[in-house]
Amino acid sequence: QMLVGLLLRFTNAMYEKNRVDFACECVPMFIFMICFFGFMDYMILFKWVTPMREPPSIINSMIAMAMWSEDSNPMFGSLVPQMLMVVCMLAVPWMLIPKPFILHRRNQQVQSRPTTQ
């Protein structure tokens, strides 16, 4: 469902030729989704196909990843989840900050143009 919504957003941005929506919404949303939910899906699949004596808890791994705490039984060590969480954290301001400034600047440029009569 999230992937379908994101694909619709991508196609709308491309159809409308809106580079701001594409660069400031679609790309960071995709990066966030892949780094967080894609990693969770990968852990689920990895846990299904790999026999383990003490399988780690995926829920605890995701909570530890989001809370920056040490996972007691990590599946991939602590570096991979931390790097992915840093990328997720960088994607959030990328989604929220640049677009309003770009639109505000464009609006000011339109308003500052002299009107011809």
Foldseek 3Di string as FASTA:
>chain_A
DVVVVLVVQCVVCVVVVPVCSCQQPNVLVVLLCCLQVVVLVVLVVCPVVDDDPDRFDSVQVSVCLQVVHDGPDDPPHDPSSVVSSVSNVVSVCSNPPDSVVVVVVVVVVVVPDDDDD
